[in-house]
Amino acid sequence: LIQLRSGHIQLNKHLHRINKTESPLCAHHDCDNKEETVTHFILHCPRYREQRRALLQATKNKARDIYKLLSRKDCLPHLYRYINSTKRLYHIFGEIRIPRFEVN
């Protein structure tokens, strides 16, 4: 979660900044030269349209706001399911365990 919030995660924007990849751009052909940031990965990348639809439905559209999505306890389990379903970070983290939060 800290890596998502800080942007220091294995997406091309960060990897390019630390000289681990040649380009900060998303590799998906429909992205029109957009940088692969956390916001792009979660909210905009066309590659994950179906997974995002499930995320939006599960969070009752709270997932349209990256700040709410990364900070609200009621959104975090859905965010982790989204990340798992995209498989984008699987090679780094494996299957992310879905936390159980009590929401007051």
N, C-alpha and C. Protein backbone atom coordinates (compact mmCIF):
# COMPACT_ATOMS: atom_id res chain seq x y z
N LEU A 1 0.83 -1.19 0.00
CA LEU A 1 0.00 0.00 0.00
C LEU A 1 0.87 1.26 0.00
N ILE A 2 1.93 1.24 0.78
CA ILE A 2 2.84 2.39 0.83
C ILE A 2 3.44 2.64 -0.54
N GLN A 3 3.80 1.58 -1.25
CA GLN A 3 4.37 1.73 -2.59
C GLN A 3 3.36 2.35 -3.55
N LEU A 4 2.11 1.95 -3.45
CA LEU A 4 1.07 2.55 -4.30
C LEU A 4 0.89 4.02 -3.97
N ARG A 5 0.84 4.34 -2.71
CA ARG A 5 0.63 5.73 -2.30
C ARG A 5 1.79 6.62 -2.70
N SER A 6 3.01 6.12 -2.60
CA SER A 6 4.20 6.93 -2.89
C SER A 6 4.58 6.93 -4.37
N GLY A 7 4.05 5.97 -5.12
CA GLY A 7 4.43 5.85 -6.52
C GLY A 7 5.73 5.08 -6.72
N HIS A 8 6.32 4.61 -5.64
CA HIS A 8 7.57 3.83 -5.72
C HIS A 8 7.23 2.35 -5.82
N ILE A 9 6.72 1.99 -6.97
CA ILE A 9 6.26 0.63 -7.21
C ILE A 9 6.69 0.22 -8.61
N GLN A 10 6.73 -1.05 -8.88
CA GLN A 10 7.29 -1.56 -10.13
C GLN A 10 6.38 -1.33 -11.33
N LEU A 11 6.05 -0.07 -11.56
CA LEU A 11 5.38 0.37 -12.78
C LEU A 11 6.39 1.20 -13.56
N ASN A 12 6.20 1.32 -14.85
CA ASN A 12 7.23 1.91 -15.71
C ASN A 12 7.66 3.32 -15.33
N LYS A 13 6.76 4.15 -14.84
CA LYS A 13 7.14 5.51 -14.44
C LYS A 13 8.24 5.47 -13.39
N HIS A 14 8.05 4.67 -12.35
CA HIS A 14 9.06 4.57 -11.29
C HIS A 14 10.30 3.82 -11.78
N LEU A 15 10.11 2.75 -12.51
CA LEU A 15 11.26 1.98 -13.00
C LEU A 15 12.16 2.82 -13.91
N HIS A 16 11.55 3.69 -14.70
CA HIS A 16 12.33 4.58 -15.56
C HIS A 16 13.12 5.59 -14.72
N ARG A 17 12.49 6.11 -13.69
CA ARG A 17 13.14 7.09 -12.82
C ARG A 17 14.39 6.50 -12.15
N ILE A 18 14.38 5.20 -11.87
CA ILE A 18 15.55 4.56 -11.23
C ILE A 18 16.39 3.77 -12.23
N ASN A 19 16.20 4.08 -13.50
CA ASN A 19 17.00 3.50 -14.59
C ASN A 19 16.90 1.98 -14.71
N LYS A 20 15.71 1.44 -14.48
CA LYS A 20 15.49 0.00 -14.61
C LYS A 20 14.71 -0.34 -15.88
N THR A 21 14.20 0.67 -16.58
CA THR A 21 13.52 0.45 -17.85
C THR A 21 13.78 1.67 -18.74
N GLU A 22 13.70 1.46 -20.03
CA GLU A 22 14.02 2.54 -20.97
C GLU A 22 12.96 3.62 -21.05
N SER A 23 11.72 3.28 -20.77
CA SER A 23 10.63 4.23 -20.98
C SER A 23 9.67 4.24 -19.79
N PRO A 24 9.14 5.42 -19.46
CA PRO A 24 8.13 5.50 -18.40
C PRO A 24 6.72 5.19 -18.91
N LEU A 25 6.60 4.92 -20.21
CA LEU A 25 5.28 4.77 -20.82
C LEU A 25 4.68 3.39 -20.58
N CYS A 26 3.36 3.36 -20.55
CA CYS A 26 2.63 2.11 -20.44
C CYS A 26 2.86 1.31 -21.73
N ALA A 27 3.05 0.03 -21.59
CA ALA A 27 3.33 -0.83 -22.74
C ALA A 27 2.09 -1.21 -23.53
N HIS A 28 0.91 -0.93 -23.01
CA HIS A 28 -0.31 -1.30 -23.71
C HIS A 28 -0.49 -0.42 -24.95
N HIS A 29 -0.81 -1.03 -26.07
CA HIS A 29 -0.86 -0.31 -27.34
C HIS A 29 -1.98 0.73 -27.43
N ASP A 30 -3.00 0.67 -26.59
CA ASP A 30 -4.10 1.63 -26.63
C ASP A 30 -3.90 2.83 -25.71
N CYS A 31 -2.75 2.96 -25.10
CA CYS A 31 -2.57 3.99 -24.08
C CYS A 31 -2.07 5.33 -24.62
N ASP A 32 -1.80 5.43 -25.88
CA ASP A 32 -1.42 6.71 -26.49
C ASP A 32 -0.29 7.42 -25.75
N ASN A 33 0.77 6.69 -25.50
CA ASN A 33 1.97 7.27 -24.88
C ASN A 33 1.72 7.87 -23.50
N LYS A 34 0.91 7.24 -22.71
CA LYS A 34 0.68 7.67 -21.33
C LYS A 34 1.71 7.02 -20.43
N GLU A 35 2.19 7.77 -19.45
CA GLU A 35 3.11 7.20 -18.48
C GLU A 35 2.37 6.19 -17.61
N GLU A 36 3.07 5.11 -17.29
CA GLU A 36 2.46 4.09 -16.44
C GLU A 36 2.69 4.47 -14.97
N THR A 37 1.79 5.29 -14.49
CA THR A 37 1.79 5.70 -13.08
C THR A 37 0.79 4.83 -12.33
N VAL A 38 0.74 5.00 -11.03
CA VAL A 38 -0.24 4.29 -10.22
C VAL A 38 -1.65 4.68 -10.67
N THR A 39 -1.87 5.96 -10.88
CA THR A 39 -3.19 6.43 -11.31
C THR A 39 -3.57 5.85 -12.67
N HIS A 40 -2.63 5.83 -13.59
CA HIS A 40 -2.91 5.25 -14.91
C HIS A 40 -3.25 3.76 -14.78
N PHE A 41 -2.44 3.03 -14.05
CA PHE A 41 -2.65 1.60 -13.86
C PHE A 41 -4.01 1.30 -13.25
N ILE A 42 -4.40 2.05 -12.24
CA ILE A 42 -5.64 1.74 -11.53
C ILE A 42 -6.87 2.35 -12.20
N LEU A 43 -6.77 3.57 -12.68
CA LEU A 43 -7.97 4.27 -13.14
C LEU A 43 -8.15 4.40 -14.65
N HIS A 44 -7.07 4.25 -15.43
CA HIS A 44 -7.19 4.63 -16.84
C HIS A 44 -6.75 3.59 -17.88
N CYS A 45 -5.86 2.72 -17.56
CA CYS A 45 -5.31 1.82 -18.59
C CYS A 45 -6.41 0.94 -19.21
N PRO A 46 -6.55 1.01 -20.54
CA PRO A 46 -7.58 0.22 -21.21
C PRO A 46 -7.39 -1.29 -21.07
N ARG A 47 -6.17 -1.71 -20.81
CA ARG A 47 -5.90 -3.14 -20.66
C ARG A 47 -6.72 -3.75 -19.53
N TYR A 48 -7.02 -2.95 -18.51
CA TYR A 48 -7.69 -3.45 -17.32
C TYR A 48 -9.12 -2.94 -17.18
N ARG A 49 -9.75 -2.66 -18.28
CA ARG A 49 -11.11 -2.10 -18.30
C ARG A 49 -12.10 -2.99 -17.54
N GLU A 50 -12.09 -4.28 -17.82
CA GLU A 50 -13.04 -5.19 -17.16
C GLU A 50 -12.78 -5.30 -15.66
N GLN A 51 -11.53 -5.38 -15.28
CA GLN A 51 -11.20 -5.45 -13.86
C GLN A 51 -11.60 -4.15 -13.16
N ARG A 52 -11.41 -3.01 -13.84
CA ARG A 52 -11.77 -1.72 -13.28
C ARG A 52 -13.29 -1.61 -13.10
N ARG A 53 -14.02 -2.14 -14.04
CA ARG A 53 -15.49 -2.11 -13.94
C ARG A 53 -15.93 -2.83 -12.65
N ALA A 54 -15.32 -3.96 -12.37
CA ALA A 54 -15.65 -4.70 -11.15
C ALA A 54 -15.25 -3.90 -9.91
N LEU A 55 -14.11 -3.23 -9.98
CA LEU A 55 -13.65 -2.40 -8.86
C LEU A 55 -14.63 -1.25 -8.61
N LEU A 56 -15.04 -0.58 -9.66
CA LEU A 56 -15.99 0.54 -9.52
C LEU A 56 -17.31 0.07 -8.95
N GLN A 57 -17.77 -1.06 -9.42
CA GLN A 57 -19.04 -1.60 -8.92
C GLN A 57 -18.93 -1.97 -7.44
N ALA A 58 -17.84 -2.62 -7.08
CA ALA A 58 -17.66 -3.06 -5.69
C ALA A 58 -17.50 -1.89 -4.72
N THR A 59 -16.93 -0.79 -5.19
CA THR A 59 -16.71 0.36 -4.31
C THR A 59 -17.79 1.42 -4.46
N LYS A 60 -18.82 1.10 -5.22
CA LYS A 60 -19.91 2.05 -5.47
C LYS A 60 -19.36 3.37 -6.02
N ASN A 61 -18.44 3.22 -6.97
CA ASN A 61 -17.80 4.33 -7.69
C ASN A 61 -16.84 5.17 -6.86
N LYS A 62 -16.54 4.78 -5.63
CA LYS A 62 -15.51 5.50 -4.85
C LYS A 62 -14.15 5.36 -5.52
N ALA A 63 -13.99 4.30 -6.31
CA ALA A 63 -12.71 4.04 -6.96
C ALA A 63 -12.40 5.05 -8.05
N ARG A 64 -13.30 5.94 -8.37
CA ARG A 64 -13.00 6.99 -9.35
C ARG A 64 -12.06 8.04 -8.76
N ASP A 65 -11.91 8.04 -7.46
CA ASP A 65 -11.05 8.99 -6.77
C ASP A 65 -9.86 8.22 -6.19
N ILE A 66 -8.68 8.44 -6.76
CA ILE A 66 -7.49 7.67 -6.37
C ILE A 66 -7.17 7.86 -4.89
N TYR A 67 -7.42 9.04 -4.36
CA TYR A 67 -7.11 9.29 -2.95
C TYR A 67 -8.03 8.49 -2.03
N LYS A 68 -9.30 8.43 -2.36
CA LYS A 68 -10.22 7.61 -1.56
C LYS A 68 -9.85 6.14 -1.69
N LEU A 69 -9.56 5.73 -2.88
CA LEU A 69 -9.25 4.33 -3.13
C LEU A 69 -8.03 3.87 -2.35
N LEU A 70 -7.03 4.73 -2.23
CA LEU A 70 -5.79 4.36 -1.54
C LEU A 70 -5.82 4.62 -0.04
N SER A 71 -6.92 5.20 0.46
CA SER A 71 -6.93 5.53 1.88
C SER A 71 -8.13 4.99 2.66
N ARG A 72 -9.23 4.73 2.01
CA ARG A 72 -10.41 4.27 2.73
C ARG A 72 -10.34 2.77 2.99
N LYS A 73 -10.51 2.40 4.25
CA LYS A 73 -10.45 0.98 4.61
C LYS A 73 -11.48 0.14 3.87
N ASP A 74 -12.64 0.73 3.59
CA ASP A 74 -13.67 -0.04 2.89
C ASP A 74 -13.35 -0.25 1.42
N CYS A 75 -12.38 0.49 0.88
CA CYS A 75 -11.98 0.32 -0.52
C CYS A 75 -10.78 -0.61 -0.69
N LEU A 76 -9.96 -0.72 0.32
CA LEU A 76 -8.70 -1.46 0.19
C LEU A 76 -8.87 -2.93 -0.22
N PRO A 77 -9.79 -3.69 0.35
CA PRO A 77 -9.93 -5.08 -0.10
C PRO A 77 -10.26 -5.16 -1.60
N HIS A 78 -11.07 -4.24 -2.07
CA HIS A 78 -11.45 -4.22 -3.49
C HIS A 78 -10.27 -3.81 -4.37
N LEU A 79 -9.46 -2.88 -3.86
CA LEU A 79 -8.25 -2.48 -4.58
C LEU A 79 -7.30 -3.67 -4.73
N TYR A 80 -7.10 -4.41 -3.65
CA TYR A 80 -6.22 -5.58 -3.71
C TYR A 80 -6.77 -6.65 -4.65
N ARG A 81 -8.07 -6.83 -4.67
CA ARG A 81 -8.66 -7.78 -5.63
C ARG A 81 -8.40 -7.32 -7.06
N TYR A 82 -8.53 -6.01 -7.29
CA TYR A 82 -8.24 -5.45 -8.62
C TYR A 82 -6.80 -5.75 -9.02
N ILE A 83 -5.87 -5.45 -8.14
CA ILE A 83 -4.45 -5.68 -8.44
C ILE A 83 -4.21 -7.16 -8.73
N ASN A 84 -4.77 -8.03 -7.91
CA ASN A 84 -4.62 -9.47 -8.16
C ASN A 84 -5.21 -9.86 -9.51
N SER A 85 -6.36 -9.32 -9.84
CA SER A 85 -7.03 -9.73 -11.08
C SER A 85 -6.30 -9.24 -12.33
N THR A 86 -5.54 -8.14 -12.22
CA THR A 86 -4.80 -7.65 -13.39
C THR A 86 -3.53 -8.47 -13.64
N LYS A 87 -3.00 -9.09 -12.61
CA LYS A 87 -1.74 -9.85 -12.68
C LYS A 87 -0.53 -8.96 -13.01
N ARG A 88 -0.71 -7.65 -13.05
CA ARG A 88 0.36 -6.73 -13.44
C ARG A 88 1.54 -6.78 -12.48
N LEU A 89 1.29 -6.96 -11.20
CA LEU A 89 2.36 -6.94 -10.20
C LEU A 89 2.61 -8.32 -9.59
N TYR A 90 2.04 -9.33 -10.19
CA TYR A 90 2.16 -10.70 -9.66
C TYR A 90 3.62 -11.15 -9.58
N HIS A 91 4.42 -10.81 -10.58
CA HIS A 91 5.82 -11.23 -10.59
C HIS A 91 6.64 -10.61 -9.46
N ILE A 92 6.12 -9.56 -8.85
CA ILE A 92 6.80 -8.92 -7.73
C ILE A 92 6.24 -9.39 -6.39
N PHE A 93 4.91 -9.34 -6.25
CA PHE A 93 4.26 -9.59 -4.97
C PHE A 93 3.57 -10.93 -4.86
N GLY A 94 3.41 -11.64 -5.97
CA GLY A 94 2.60 -12.84 -5.94
C GLY A 94 1.15 -12.46 -5.74
N GLU A 95 0.37 -13.38 -5.24
CA GLU A 95 -1.04 -13.09 -4.94
C GLU A 95 -1.10 -12.28 -3.65
N ILE A 96 -1.68 -11.10 -3.71
CA ILE A 96 -1.77 -10.24 -2.54
C ILE A 96 -2.90 -10.72 -1.65
N ARG A 97 -2.59 -10.89 -0.38
CA ARG A 97 -3.60 -11.33 0.59
C ARG A 97 -4.59 -10.19 0.81
N ILE A 98 -5.86 -10.54 0.77
CA ILE A 98 -6.92 -9.54 0.94
C ILE A 98 -7.13 -9.32 2.43
N PRO A 99 -6.87 -8.09 2.91
CA PRO A 99 -7.04 -7.83 4.35
C PRO A 99 -8.50 -7.75 4.74
N ARG A 100 -8.77 -8.05 5.97
CA ARG A 100 -10.11 -7.90 6.52
C ARG A 100 -10.07 -6.69 7.44
N PHE A 101 -10.86 -5.71 7.11
CA PHE A 101 -10.94 -4.50 7.93
C PHE A 101 -12.35 -4.41 8.50
N GLU A 102 -12.41 -3.98 9.74
CA GLU A 102 -13.71 -3.66 10.31
C GLU A 102 -13.98 -2.22 9.98
N VAL A 103 -15.09 -1.98 9.31
CA VAL A 103 -15.45 -0.63 8.92
C VAL A 103 -16.51 -0.11 9.88
N ASN A 104 -16.20 1.00 10.53
CA ASN A 104 -17.15 1.59 11.49
C ASN A 104 -18.15 2.46 10.77
